[in-house]
Amino acid sequence: MARSKVVDFDYYQFIRMMQRAGNAGQRLEKSDARWGDYVRQHGINEVAATAIARQKFEKVVPVIIAEGNDTDGLYFFSRDDEACLRLVALE
């Protein structure tokens, strides 16, 4: 698994990206059949990332943006806190 960390991401930029990806059919939610394939293919440690996100925010929702851009990846957002976190690979 690739080493990665969870970092803050601009909530309002994320909301725009999520809407755009949703309109294009490239937003993956946990219930999406493509979720597991994406996680395996990109070597994401979903359990650790989720634990970190839940330490920061009480109600956090995971979502994957898979548009083929630099902004693709796993995000966690909280509407209550108007906050967003992004999982980024360490190089």
Protein backbone atom coordinates (compact mmCIF):
# COMPACT_ATOMS: atom_id res chain seq x y z
CA MET A 1 0.00 0.00 0.00
CA ALA A 2 1.22 3.44 -0.86
CA ARG A 3 2.02 5.74 2.05
CA SER A 4 -0.37 8.63 2.31
CA LYS A 5 -1.73 11.27 4.64
CA VAL A 6 -5.02 13.06 5.19
CA VAL A 7 -4.87 16.82 4.62
CA ASP A 8 -7.34 19.71 4.75
CA PHE A 9 -8.98 20.65 1.45
CA ASP A 10 -11.15 23.66 0.59
CA TYR A 11 -14.74 22.64 1.27
CA TYR A 12 -16.34 24.91 -1.32
CA GLN A 13 -13.94 23.84 -4.06
CA PHE A 14 -14.69 20.22 -3.16
CA ILE A 15 -18.47 20.79 -3.36
CA ARG A 16 -18.06 22.17 -6.91
CA MET A 17 -15.82 19.22 -7.87
CA MET A 18 -18.25 16.72 -6.36
CA GLN A 19 -21.19 18.20 -8.28
CA ARG A 20 -19.23 18.20 -11.53
CA ALA A 21 -18.09 14.60 -10.99
CA GLY A 22 -21.64 13.56 -10.10
CA ASN A 23 -23.01 15.09 -13.28
CA ALA A 24 -20.38 13.19 -15.29
CA GLY A 25 -20.99 9.89 -13.45
CA GLN A 26 -17.51 9.99 -11.93
CA ARG A 27 -18.42 10.41 -8.26
CA LEU A 28 -18.19 7.16 -6.33
CA GLU A 29 -20.01 6.79 -3.06
CA LYS A 30 -19.46 3.94 -0.61
CA SER A 31 -22.49 2.07 -1.97
CA ASP A 32 -21.18 2.25 -5.57
CA ALA A 33 -20.06 -1.10 -7.01
CA ARG A 34 -16.91 0.59 -8.39
CA TRP A 35 -15.77 1.71 -4.91
CA GLY A 36 -13.89 -1.49 -3.98
CA ASP A 37 -12.15 -1.70 -7.35
CA TYR A 38 -10.94 1.90 -7.09
CA VAL A 39 -9.64 1.39 -3.54
CA ARG A 40 -7.75 -1.79 -4.52
CA GLN A 41 -6.40 -0.35 -7.77
CA HIS A 42 -5.00 2.74 -6.03
CA GLY A 43 -3.75 0.96 -2.90
CA ILE A 44 -5.84 3.08 -0.53
CA ASN A 45 -5.79 2.23 3.18
CA GLU A 46 -9.43 3.13 3.63
CA VAL A 47 -9.68 2.02 7.26
CA ALA A 48 -6.79 4.21 8.45
CA ALA A 49 -7.93 7.22 6.41
CA THR A 50 -11.48 6.90 7.75
CA ALA A 51 -10.21 6.68 11.33
CA ILE A 52 -8.20 9.88 10.89
CA ALA A 53 -11.18 11.70 9.34
CA ARG A 54 -13.47 10.61 12.18
CA GLN A 55 -11.02 12.00 14.72
CA LYS A 56 -11.43 15.44 13.15
CA PHE A 57 -15.16 15.48 12.42
CA GLU A 58 -18.12 13.80 14.06
CA LYS A 59 -20.15 13.15 10.91
CA VAL A 60 -17.90 12.47 7.95
CA VAL A 61 -18.91 11.17 4.51
CA PRO A 62 -16.37 9.46 2.23
CA VAL A 63 -16.50 10.03 -1.52
CA ILE A 64 -14.16 9.25 -4.41
CA ILE A 65 -13.74 11.64 -7.33
CA ALA A 66 -12.55 9.72 -10.41
CA GLU A 67 -12.60 12.16 -13.33
CA GLY A 68 -9.09 11.46 -14.59
CA ASN A 69 -7.71 14.74 -13.17
CA ASP A 70 -5.05 15.62 -10.61
CA THR A 71 -7.85 16.18 -8.13
CA ASP A 72 -8.98 12.54 -8.25
CA GLY A 73 -8.94 10.55 -5.04
CA LEU A 74 -10.60 9.84 -1.74
CA TYR A 75 -12.19 12.74 0.13
CA PHE A 76 -14.04 13.01 3.42
CA PHE A 77 -16.47 15.85 3.99
CA SER A 78 -18.71 17.12 6.75
CA ARG A 79 -21.67 19.30 5.82
CA ASP A 80 -22.20 20.21 9.48
CA ASP A 81 -18.66 21.57 9.82
CA GLU A 82 -18.39 22.76 6.19
CA ALA A 83 -15.03 21.01 6.05
CA CYS A 84 -13.24 18.61 3.74
CA LEU A 85 -10.22 16.32 4.00
CA ARG A 86 -8.33 14.68 1.15
CA LEU A 87 -6.13 11.58 1.15
CA VAL A 88 -2.85 12.37 -0.64
CA ALA A 89 0.05 10.08 -1.43
CA LEU A 90 3.43 10.79 0.13
CA GLU A 91 6.29 10.83 -2.34
